[in-house]
Amino acid sequence: MEIEQSLVTDRLNSINTNQRALTRHINSIVKECCGSLDNLMNTIRETISNPNVTLTNEQLDYFILNLPALMYYAYEKQELVGMREDIAKQEKLQRYNDSYSSYEGTAIERKQLAESDIVYDVLVISIYSRARKQIQNKLDLATEMLQSLKKVATRRISENDFNNLNNMGYKENL
């Protein structure tokens, strides 16, 4: 079998075009849900990735206090995306059943026709599903960041307590 490169290229281009369109929809949903969280995570990343800048206690407090608040609202919005996904599934099922019963022919023919009527419904469900998963991934990573920031804060408190004890004259006898 000889592969026709032009057909393969056409299919790849078509898939890439469709993927970009679906990605725009997914990104729009994710941004609506996580825009503020993304902004704070970017600020944290920029702050901690600069080796010439030390994270101040005030910045640390700000991040530790604000990250959970933004996560709270993102979790709430993630639930709404899940509800949209559930509604889309129900609409797809209803559309399939309506289409199936409206066609005549064998069961296989009616099934094929009904499935062709719900192609876009399947894409919509995929958009919501992928958006929900991306939101969950962002929330999981934000949780990891929060835990890391808390560890830094705990370490600083311990170091500060140790330094205060040393400054007060409480030194370990050797």
N, C-alpha and C. Protein backbone atom coordinates (compact mmCIF):
# COMPACT_ATOMS: atom_id res chain seq x y z
N MET A 1 0.84 -1.18 0.00
CA MET A 1 0.00 0.00 0.00
C MET A 1 0.88 1.24 0.00
N GLU A 2 0.59 2.13 -0.89
CA GLU A 2 1.35 3.37 -0.97
C GLU A 2 0.57 4.48 -0.27
N ILE A 3 1.26 5.23 0.55
CA ILE A 3 0.62 6.31 1.30
C ILE A 3 0.63 7.58 0.46
N GLU A 4 -0.55 8.15 0.31
CA GLU A 4 -0.65 9.42 -0.40
C GLU A 4 -0.40 10.55 0.60
N GLN A 5 0.78 11.15 0.47
CA GLN A 5 1.21 12.17 1.41
C GLN A 5 0.24 13.35 1.47
N SER A 6 -0.33 13.72 0.35
CA SER A 6 -1.23 14.88 0.36
C SER A 6 -2.47 14.61 1.19
N LEU A 7 -2.98 13.37 1.17
CA LEU A 7 -4.14 13.02 1.98
C LEU A 7 -3.80 13.04 3.47
N VAL A 8 -2.64 12.51 3.79
CA VAL A 8 -2.20 12.52 5.18
C VAL A 8 -2.02 13.95 5.67
N THR A 9 -1.38 14.77 4.85
CA THR A 9 -1.16 16.17 5.21
C THR A 9 -2.48 16.90 5.38
N ASP A 10 -3.43 16.64 4.51
CA ASP A 10 -4.75 17.27 4.62
C ASP A 10 -5.43 16.87 5.93
N ARG A 11 -5.36 15.58 6.27
CA ARG A 11 -5.98 15.11 7.52
C ARG A 11 -5.30 15.73 8.73
N LEU A 12 -3.98 15.77 8.70
CA LEU A 12 -3.24 16.38 9.82
C LEU A 12 -3.59 17.85 9.98
N ASN A 13 -3.65 18.56 8.86
CA ASN A 13 -4.01 19.98 8.92
C ASN A 13 -5.42 20.18 9.45
N SER A 14 -6.33 19.34 9.01
CA SER A 14 -7.71 19.42 9.48
C SER A 14 -7.79 19.17 10.98
N ILE A 15 -7.08 18.15 11.44
CA ILE A 15 -7.07 17.83 12.86
C ILE A 15 -6.46 18.97 13.66
N ASN A 16 -5.37 19.53 13.19
CA ASN A 16 -4.72 20.64 13.90
C ASN A 16 -5.64 21.86 13.96
N THR A 17 -6.35 22.14 12.89
CA THR A 17 -7.27 23.26 12.86
C THR A 17 -8.40 23.05 13.87
N ASN A 18 -8.97 21.85 13.86
CA ASN A 18 -10.04 21.54 14.81
C ASN A 18 -9.55 21.55 16.25
N GLN A 19 -8.35 21.04 16.46
CA GLN A 19 -7.77 21.03 17.80
C GLN A 19 -7.59 22.45 18.32
N ARG A 20 -7.13 23.36 17.48
CA ARG A 20 -6.95 24.76 17.90
C ARG A 20 -8.29 25.38 18.27
N ALA A 21 -9.33 25.08 17.51
CA ALA A 21 -10.66 25.62 17.81
C ALA A 21 -11.17 25.08 19.15
N LEU A 22 -11.02 23.79 19.38
CA LEU A 22 -11.46 23.20 20.64
C LEU A 22 -10.63 23.73 21.81
N THR A 23 -9.35 23.89 21.59
CA THR A 23 -8.47 24.42 22.64
C THR A 23 -8.88 25.83 23.04
N ARG A 24 -9.29 26.64 22.08
CA ARG A 24 -9.76 28.00 22.41
C ARG A 24 -10.96 27.93 23.34
N HIS A 25 -11.89 27.03 23.07
CA HIS A 25 -13.06 26.89 23.93
C HIS A 25 -12.67 26.41 25.33
N ILE A 26 -11.80 25.42 25.38
CA ILE A 26 -11.34 24.89 26.66
C ILE A 26 -10.62 25.97 27.46
N ASN A 27 -9.71 26.68 26.81
CA ASN A 27 -8.95 27.73 27.49
C ASN A 27 -9.86 28.84 28.00
N SER A 28 -10.90 29.15 27.26
CA SER A 28 -11.85 30.17 27.68
C SER A 28 -12.55 29.75 28.97
N ILE A 29 -12.97 28.52 29.05
CA ILE A 29 -13.63 28.01 30.25
C ILE A 29 -12.66 28.00 31.42
N VAL A 30 -11.45 27.51 31.19
CA VAL A 30 -10.45 27.41 32.26
C VAL A 30 -10.08 28.81 32.76
N LYS A 31 -9.93 29.74 31.85
CA LYS A 31 -9.58 31.11 32.25
C LYS A 31 -10.69 31.74 33.07
N GLU A 32 -11.93 31.48 32.68
CA GLU A 32 -13.07 31.99 33.43
C GLU A 32 -13.05 31.47 34.87
N CYS A 33 -12.62 30.24 35.04
CA CYS A 33 -12.62 29.61 36.36
C CYS A 33 -11.35 29.88 37.16
N CYS A 34 -10.23 29.98 36.48
CA CYS A 34 -8.93 30.02 37.18
C CYS A 34 -8.09 31.25 36.86
N GLY A 35 -8.66 32.25 36.22
CA GLY A 35 -7.86 33.41 35.82
C GLY A 35 -7.13 34.05 36.98
N SER A 36 -7.83 34.31 38.07
CA SER A 36 -7.21 34.95 39.24
C SER A 36 -6.18 34.03 39.88
N LEU A 37 -6.51 32.75 39.95
CA LEU A 37 -5.56 31.77 40.51
C LEU A 37 -4.30 31.71 39.64
N ASP A 38 -4.47 31.70 38.32
CA ASP A 38 -3.32 31.69 37.41
C ASP A 38 -2.45 32.93 37.63
N ASN A 39 -3.08 34.08 37.80
CA ASN A 39 -2.32 35.32 38.01
C ASN A 39 -1.47 35.24 39.28
N LEU A 40 -2.07 34.73 40.36
CA LEU A 40 -1.31 34.62 41.60
C LEU A 40 -0.19 33.58 41.47
N MET A 41 -0.49 32.46 40.83
CA MET A 41 0.55 31.43 40.64
C MET A 41 1.69 31.98 39.78
N ASN A 42 1.38 32.78 38.78
CA ASN A 42 2.43 33.40 37.96
C ASN A 42 3.27 34.36 38.80
N THR A 43 2.63 35.12 39.67
CA THR A 43 3.35 36.04 40.55
C THR A 43 4.28 35.26 41.48
N ILE A 44 3.77 34.17 42.02
CA ILE A 44 4.59 33.34 42.90
C ILE A 44 5.79 32.79 42.13
N ARG A 45 5.51 32.26 40.93
CA ARG A 45 6.59 31.69 40.12
C ARG A 45 7.66 32.74 39.81
N GLU A 46 7.22 33.92 39.41
CA GLU A 46 8.19 34.98 39.09
C GLU A 46 9.00 35.37 40.31
N THR A 47 8.36 35.39 41.46
CA THR A 47 9.04 35.79 42.70
C THR A 47 10.07 34.75 43.12
N ILE A 48 9.68 33.49 43.09
CA ILE A 48 10.61 32.46 43.60
C ILE A 48 11.64 32.02 42.58
N SER A 49 11.40 32.30 41.30
CA SER A 49 12.36 31.86 40.29
C SER A 49 13.50 32.85 40.09
N ASN A 50 13.39 34.03 40.66
CA ASN A 50 14.45 35.02 40.53
C ASN A 50 15.47 34.80 41.64
N PRO A 51 16.67 34.33 41.29
CA PRO A 51 17.66 34.03 42.33
C PRO A 51 18.20 35.29 43.02
N ASN A 52 17.98 36.46 42.45
CA ASN A 52 18.47 37.70 43.03
C ASN A 52 17.49 38.31 44.04
N VAL A 53 16.31 37.72 44.16
CA VAL A 53 15.29 38.26 45.05
C VAL A 53 14.94 37.21 46.10
N THR A 54 14.92 37.64 47.35
CA THR A 54 14.52 36.75 48.44
C THR A 54 13.05 37.00 48.74
N LEU A 55 12.31 35.93 48.89
CA LEU A 55 10.90 36.01 49.23
C LEU A 55 10.76 36.61 50.62
N THR A 56 10.08 37.75 50.72
CA THR A 56 9.93 38.41 52.03
C THR A 56 8.83 37.71 52.83
N ASN A 57 8.84 37.95 54.12
CA ASN A 57 7.80 37.39 54.97
C ASN A 57 6.43 37.95 54.59
N GLU A 58 6.38 39.21 54.19
CA GLU A 58 5.11 39.82 53.79
C GLU A 58 4.58 39.16 52.52
N GLN A 59 5.47 38.88 51.56
CA GLN A 59 5.04 38.18 50.34
C GLN A 59 4.57 36.78 50.67
N LEU A 60 5.30 36.12 51.53
CA LEU A 60 4.94 34.76 51.94
C LEU A 60 3.55 34.75 52.59
N ASP A 61 3.33 35.69 53.50
CA ASP A 61 2.01 35.80 54.15
C ASP A 61 0.92 36.07 53.11
N TYR A 62 1.20 36.97 52.20
CA TYR A 62 0.22 37.31 51.16
C TYR A 62 -0.15 36.08 50.32
N PHE A 63 0.86 35.35 49.91
CA PHE A 63 0.61 34.15 49.08
C PHE A 63 -0.15 33.09 49.87
N ILE A 64 0.25 32.87 51.12
CA ILE A 64 -0.40 31.84 51.94
C ILE A 64 -1.85 32.21 52.24
N LEU A 65 -2.12 33.47 52.41
CA LEU A 65 -3.50 33.90 52.70
C LEU A 65 -4.38 33.93 51.45
N ASN A 66 -3.84 34.32 50.33
CA ASN A 66 -4.65 34.51 49.14
C ASN A 66 -4.85 33.25 48.31
N LEU A 67 -3.87 32.37 48.32
CA LEU A 67 -3.97 31.16 47.51
C LEU A 67 -5.21 30.32 47.87
N PRO A 68 -5.48 30.06 49.15
CA PRO A 68 -6.68 29.27 49.46
C PRO A 68 -7.98 29.97 49.07
N ALA A 69 -8.02 31.28 49.19
CA ALA A 69 -9.23 32.02 48.82
C ALA A 69 -9.51 31.87 47.32
N LEU A 70 -8.49 32.00 46.51
CA LEU A 70 -8.67 31.85 45.07
C LEU A 70 -8.99 30.41 44.70
N MET A 71 -8.42 29.47 45.42
CA MET A 71 -8.72 28.06 45.18
C MET A 71 -10.18 27.76 45.52
N TYR A 72 -10.68 28.36 46.57
CA TYR A 72 -12.07 28.18 46.97
C TYR A 72 -13.01 28.53 45.82
N TYR A 73 -12.79 29.68 45.22
CA TYR A 73 -13.66 30.11 44.13
C TYR A 73 -13.46 29.26 42.87
N ALA A 74 -12.24 28.82 42.65
CA ALA A 74 -11.98 27.96 41.49
C ALA A 74 -12.67 26.60 41.66
N TYR A 75 -12.67 26.07 42.89
CA TYR A 75 -13.38 24.81 43.15
C TYR A 75 -14.87 24.98 42.88
N GLU A 76 -15.40 26.10 43.31
CA GLU A 76 -16.82 26.38 43.09
C GLU A 76 -17.15 26.43 41.60
N LYS A 77 -16.30 27.10 40.85
CA LYS A 77 -16.51 27.21 39.40
C LYS A 77 -16.29 25.88 38.70
N GLN A 78 -15.39 25.06 39.23
CA GLN A 78 -15.17 23.73 38.67
C GLN A 78 -16.45 22.90 38.77
N GLU A 79 -17.16 23.04 39.87
CA GLU A 79 -18.42 22.33 40.04
C GLU A 79 -19.43 22.77 38.98
N LEU A 80 -19.44 24.06 38.66
CA LEU A 80 -20.35 24.55 37.63
C LEU A 80 -20.00 23.96 36.26
N VAL A 81 -18.72 23.82 35.98
CA VAL A 81 -18.29 23.19 34.73
C VAL A 81 -18.74 21.73 34.71
N GLY A 82 -18.62 21.06 35.85
CA GLY A 82 -19.10 19.68 35.95
C GLY A 82 -20.60 19.58 35.70
N MET A 83 -21.34 20.56 36.19
CA MET A 83 -22.78 20.58 35.95
C MET A 83 -23.07 20.78 34.46
N ARG A 84 -22.32 21.67 33.82
CA ARG A 84 -22.50 21.88 32.38
C ARG A 84 -22.21 20.60 31.61
N GLU A 85 -21.18 19.90 32.04
CA GLU A 85 -20.84 18.62 31.40
C GLU A 85 -21.99 17.62 31.56
N ASP A 86 -22.56 17.55 32.76
CA ASP A 86 -23.69 16.65 32.99
C ASP A 86 -24.89 17.02 32.12
N ILE A 87 -25.17 18.30 32.01
CA ILE A 87 -26.28 18.76 31.17
C ILE A 87 -26.01 18.41 29.72
N ALA A 88 -24.77 18.62 29.27
CA ALA A 88 -24.42 18.29 27.89
C ALA A 88 -24.60 16.80 27.61
N LYS A 89 -24.27 15.97 28.58
CA LYS A 89 -24.47 14.53 28.41
C LYS A 89 -25.94 14.18 28.29
N GLN A 90 -26.76 14.81 29.11
CA GLN A 90 -28.19 14.55 29.04
C GLN A 90 -28.78 15.03 27.72
N GLU A 91 -28.34 16.20 27.26
CA GLU A 91 -28.82 16.72 25.98
C GLU A 91 -28.39 15.82 24.82
N LYS A 92 -27.19 15.31 24.90
CA LYS A 92 -26.70 14.39 23.86
C LYS A 92 -27.57 13.13 23.82
N LEU A 93 -27.84 12.59 24.98
CA LEU A 93 -28.66 11.38 25.05
C LEU A 93 -30.07 11.64 24.51
N GLN A 94 -30.63 12.78 24.88
CA GLN A 94 -31.98 13.12 24.39
C GLN A 94 -31.98 13.31 22.88
N ARG A 95 -30.95 14.00 22.36
CA ARG A 95 -30.86 14.23 20.92
C ARG A 95 -30.67 12.91 20.18
N TYR A 96 -29.88 12.02 20.75
CA TYR A 96 -29.67 10.71 20.14
C TYR A 96 -30.99 9.94 20.08
N ASN A 97 -31.68 9.90 21.21
CA ASN A 97 -32.95 9.16 21.25
C ASN A 97 -33.98 9.74 20.29
N ASP A 98 -34.06 11.07 20.24
CA ASP A 98 -35.00 11.72 19.32
C ASP A 98 -34.64 11.40 17.87
N SER A 99 -33.35 11.48 17.56
CA SER A 99 -32.91 11.19 16.19
C SER A 99 -33.16 9.73 15.84
N TYR A 100 -32.80 8.86 16.75
CA TYR A 100 -32.96 7.41 16.50
C TYR A 100 -34.42 7.07 16.20
N SER A 101 -35.32 7.63 16.98
CA SER A 101 -36.74 7.29 16.79
C SER A 101 -37.35 7.98 15.57
N SER A 102 -36.70 9.03 15.07
CA SER A 102 -37.26 9.74 13.92
C SER A 102 -36.86 9.10 12.58
N TYR A 103 -35.84 8.25 12.58
CA TYR A 103 -35.38 7.63 11.35
C TYR A 103 -36.09 6.29 11.11
N GLU A 104 -36.12 5.93 9.85
CA GLU A 104 -36.66 4.62 9.47
C GLU A 104 -35.51 3.77 8.94
N GLY A 105 -35.70 2.49 8.97
CA GLY A 105 -34.68 1.57 8.48
C GLY A 105 -34.35 0.56 9.55
N THR A 106 -33.25 -0.16 9.31
CA THR A 106 -32.83 -1.17 10.28
C THR A 106 -32.26 -0.48 11.52
N ALA A 107 -32.13 -1.24 12.57
CA ALA A 107 -31.59 -0.69 13.82
C ALA A 107 -30.18 -0.14 13.61
N ILE A 108 -29.39 -0.83 12.81
CA ILE A 108 -28.01 -0.39 12.55
C ILE A 108 -28.01 0.92 11.78
N GLU A 109 -28.86 1.04 10.78
CA GLU A 109 -28.95 2.28 10.00
C GLU A 109 -29.41 3.44 10.88
N ARG A 110 -30.42 3.20 11.69
CA ARG A 110 -30.94 4.26 12.57
C ARG A 110 -29.88 4.68 13.59
N LYS A 111 -29.13 3.70 14.09
CA LYS A 111 -28.06 4.01 15.05
C LYS A 111 -26.98 4.87 14.39
N GLN A 112 -26.58 4.52 13.19
CA GLN A 112 -25.55 5.28 12.49
C GLN A 112 -26.01 6.71 12.22
N LEU A 113 -27.25 6.86 11.79
CA LEU A 113 -27.78 8.20 11.52
C LEU A 113 -27.89 9.02 12.80
N ALA A 114 -28.35 8.39 13.86
CA ALA A 114 -28.48 9.10 15.14
C ALA A 114 -27.12 9.51 15.68
N GLU A 115 -26.13 8.64 15.53
CA GLU A 115 -24.77 8.97 15.99
C GLU A 115 -24.18 10.12 15.19
N SER A 116 -24.50 10.18 13.92
CA SER A 116 -23.98 11.30 13.11
C SER A 116 -24.63 12.62 13.52
N ASP A 117 -25.83 12.55 14.12
CA ASP A 117 -26.52 13.76 14.57
C ASP A 117 -25.96 14.31 15.88
N ILE A 118 -25.19 13.52 16.60
CA ILE A 118 -24.70 13.97 17.91
C ILE A 118 -23.18 14.20 17.94
N VAL A 119 -22.58 14.30 16.79
CA VAL A 119 -21.12 14.49 16.72
C VAL A 119 -20.70 15.74 17.50
N TYR A 120 -21.42 16.83 17.31
CA TYR A 120 -21.04 18.07 18.00
C TYR A 120 -21.35 18.01 19.49
N ASP A 121 -22.37 17.25 19.85
CA ASP A 121 -22.66 17.06 21.27
C ASP A 121 -21.49 16.36 21.96
N VAL A 122 -20.92 15.38 21.28
CA VAL A 122 -19.77 14.65 21.83
C VAL A 122 -18.58 15.61 22.00
N LEU A 123 -18.38 16.50 21.04
CA LEU A 123 -17.30 17.48 21.15
C LEU A 123 -17.52 18.43 22.32
N VAL A 124 -18.75 18.86 22.52
CA VAL A 124 -19.06 19.76 23.63
C VAL A 124 -18.78 19.06 24.97
N ILE A 125 -19.17 17.82 25.07
CA ILE A 125 -18.89 17.05 26.29
C ILE A 125 -17.38 16.95 26.50
N SER A 126 -16.65 16.70 25.43
CA SER A 126 -15.20 16.61 25.51
C SER A 126 -14.59 17.93 25.98
N ILE A 127 -15.11 19.04 25.48
CA ILE A 127 -14.62 20.36 25.89
C ILE A 127 -14.80 20.54 27.40
N TYR A 128 -16.00 20.26 27.89
CA TYR A 128 -16.26 20.43 29.33
C TYR A 128 -15.42 19.46 30.16
N SER A 129 -15.28 18.24 29.69
CA SER A 129 -14.50 17.25 30.43
C SER A 129 -13.04 17.67 30.53
N ARG A 130 -12.48 18.08 29.42
CA ARG A 130 -11.07 18.50 29.42
C ARG A 130 -10.86 19.77 30.24
N ALA A 131 -11.81 20.69 30.16
CA ALA A 131 -11.70 21.92 30.96
C ALA A 131 -11.74 21.58 32.45
N ARG A 132 -12.67 20.71 32.84
CA ARG A 132 -12.78 20.31 34.24
C ARG A 132 -11.49 19.65 34.72
N LYS A 133 -10.90 18.81 33.88
CA LYS A 133 -9.64 18.14 34.25
C LYS A 133 -8.50 19.16 34.38
N GLN A 134 -8.45 20.13 33.48
CA GLN A 134 -7.40 21.15 33.57
C GLN A 134 -7.56 21.98 34.84
N ILE A 135 -8.81 22.32 35.16
CA ILE A 135 -9.06 23.08 36.38
C ILE A 135 -8.61 22.26 37.58
N GLN A 136 -8.94 20.97 37.61
CA GLN A 136 -8.54 20.12 38.72
C GLN A 136 -7.02 20.04 38.81
N ASN A 137 -6.33 19.93 37.69
CA ASN A 137 -4.86 19.90 37.71
C ASN A 137 -4.30 21.19 38.28
N LYS A 138 -4.87 22.32 37.90
CA LYS A 138 -4.41 23.61 38.44
C LYS A 138 -4.63 23.68 39.94
N LEU A 139 -5.78 23.19 40.39
CA LEU A 139 -6.08 23.19 41.82
C LEU A 139 -5.13 22.26 42.58
N ASP A 140 -4.84 21.12 42.01
CA ASP A 140 -3.90 20.19 42.65
C ASP A 140 -2.52 20.83 42.78
N LEU A 141 -2.07 21.48 41.73
CA LEU A 141 -0.75 22.11 41.78
C LEU A 141 -0.74 23.33 42.70
N ALA A 142 -1.86 24.05 42.76
CA ALA A 142 -1.95 25.17 43.70
C ALA A 142 -1.89 24.66 45.14
N THR A 143 -2.49 23.51 45.39
CA THR A 143 -2.42 22.90 46.72
C THR A 143 -0.98 22.54 47.06
N GLU A 144 -0.27 21.99 46.09
CA GLU A 144 1.15 21.66 46.30
C GLU A 144 1.96 22.93 46.59
N MET A 145 1.68 23.99 45.86
CA MET A 145 2.39 25.25 46.08
C MET A 145 2.08 25.79 47.47
N LEU A 146 0.83 25.73 47.88
CA LEU A 146 0.45 26.21 49.20
C LEU A 146 1.19 25.43 50.28
N GLN A 147 1.27 24.11 50.13
CA GLN A 147 2.00 23.29 51.11
C GLN A 147 3.48 23.67 51.16
N SER A 148 4.05 23.93 50.01
CA SER A 148 5.46 24.33 49.96
C SER A 148 5.67 25.68 50.64
N LEU A 149 4.78 26.61 50.37
CA LEU A 149 4.89 27.93 51.00
C LEU A 149 4.75 27.82 52.52
N LYS A 150 3.86 26.96 52.97
CA LYS A 150 3.68 26.76 54.41
C LYS A 150 4.95 26.17 55.03
N LYS A 151 5.61 25.27 54.31
CA LYS A 151 6.85 24.69 54.82
C LYS A 151 7.93 25.76 54.95
N VAL A 152 8.00 26.65 53.97
CA VAL A 152 8.96 27.75 54.04
C VAL A 152 8.65 28.63 55.24
N ALA A 153 7.39 28.94 55.44
CA ALA A 153 6.99 29.78 56.57
C ALA A 153 7.33 29.10 57.89
N THR A 154 7.06 27.82 58.00
CA THR A 154 7.37 27.06 59.22
C THR A 154 8.86 27.05 59.48
N ARG A 155 9.65 26.84 58.43
CA ARG A 155 11.11 26.84 58.59
C ARG A 155 11.59 28.21 59.07
N ARG A 156 11.05 29.27 58.51
CA ARG A 156 11.46 30.61 58.92
C ARG A 156 11.08 30.88 60.37
N ILE A 157 9.92 30.44 60.77
CA ILE A 157 9.50 30.63 62.16
C ILE A 157 10.44 29.88 63.09
N SER A 158 10.79 28.66 62.73
CA SER A 158 11.71 27.86 63.56
C SER A 158 13.08 28.52 63.64
N GLU A 159 13.58 29.00 62.52
CA GLU A 159 14.88 29.68 62.52
C GLU A 159 14.81 30.95 63.35
N ASN A 160 13.72 31.66 63.25
CA ASN A 160 13.56 32.90 64.01
C ASN A 160 13.51 32.60 65.51
N ASP A 161 12.78 31.55 65.88
CA ASP A 161 12.71 31.16 67.30
C ASP A 161 14.08 30.75 67.81
N PHE A 162 14.81 29.98 67.00
CA PHE A 162 16.15 29.55 67.38
C PHE A 162 17.07 30.75 67.56
N ASN A 163 17.03 31.69 66.63
CA ASN A 163 17.86 32.89 66.73
C ASN A 163 17.49 33.73 67.95
N ASN A 164 16.21 33.81 68.24
CA ASN A 164 15.76 34.56 69.43
C ASN A 164 16.29 33.92 70.70
N LEU A 165 16.27 32.59 70.76
CA LEU A 165 16.80 31.91 71.94
C LEU A 165 18.30 32.14 72.08
N ASN A 166 19.02 32.10 70.99
CA ASN A 166 20.46 32.34 71.02
C ASN A 166 20.77 33.76 71.44
N ASN A 167 19.99 34.70 70.98
CA ASN A 167 20.21 36.11 71.32
C ASN A 167 19.88 36.40 72.78
N MET A 168 19.06 35.56 73.38
CA MET A 168 18.67 35.78 74.77
C MET A 168 19.67 35.12 75.73
N GLY A 169 20.66 34.46 75.21
CA GLY A 169 21.68 33.87 76.05
C GLY A 169 21.46 32.40 76.33
N TYR A 170 20.46 31.83 75.76
CA TYR A 170 20.23 30.41 75.97
C TYR A 170 21.02 29.62 74.93
N LYS A 171 22.19 29.24 75.31
CA LYS A 171 23.02 28.49 74.39
C LYS A 171 23.24 27.10 74.96
N GLU A 172 23.34 26.22 74.07
CA GLU A 172 23.52 24.84 74.43
C GLU A 172 24.93 24.65 75.03
N ASN A 173 24.99 23.94 76.13
CA ASN A 173 26.30 23.64 76.74
C ASN A 173 26.94 22.50 75.99
N LEU A 174 28.15 22.69 75.61
CA LEU A 174 28.88 21.65 74.88
C LEU A 174 29.81 20.92 75.77
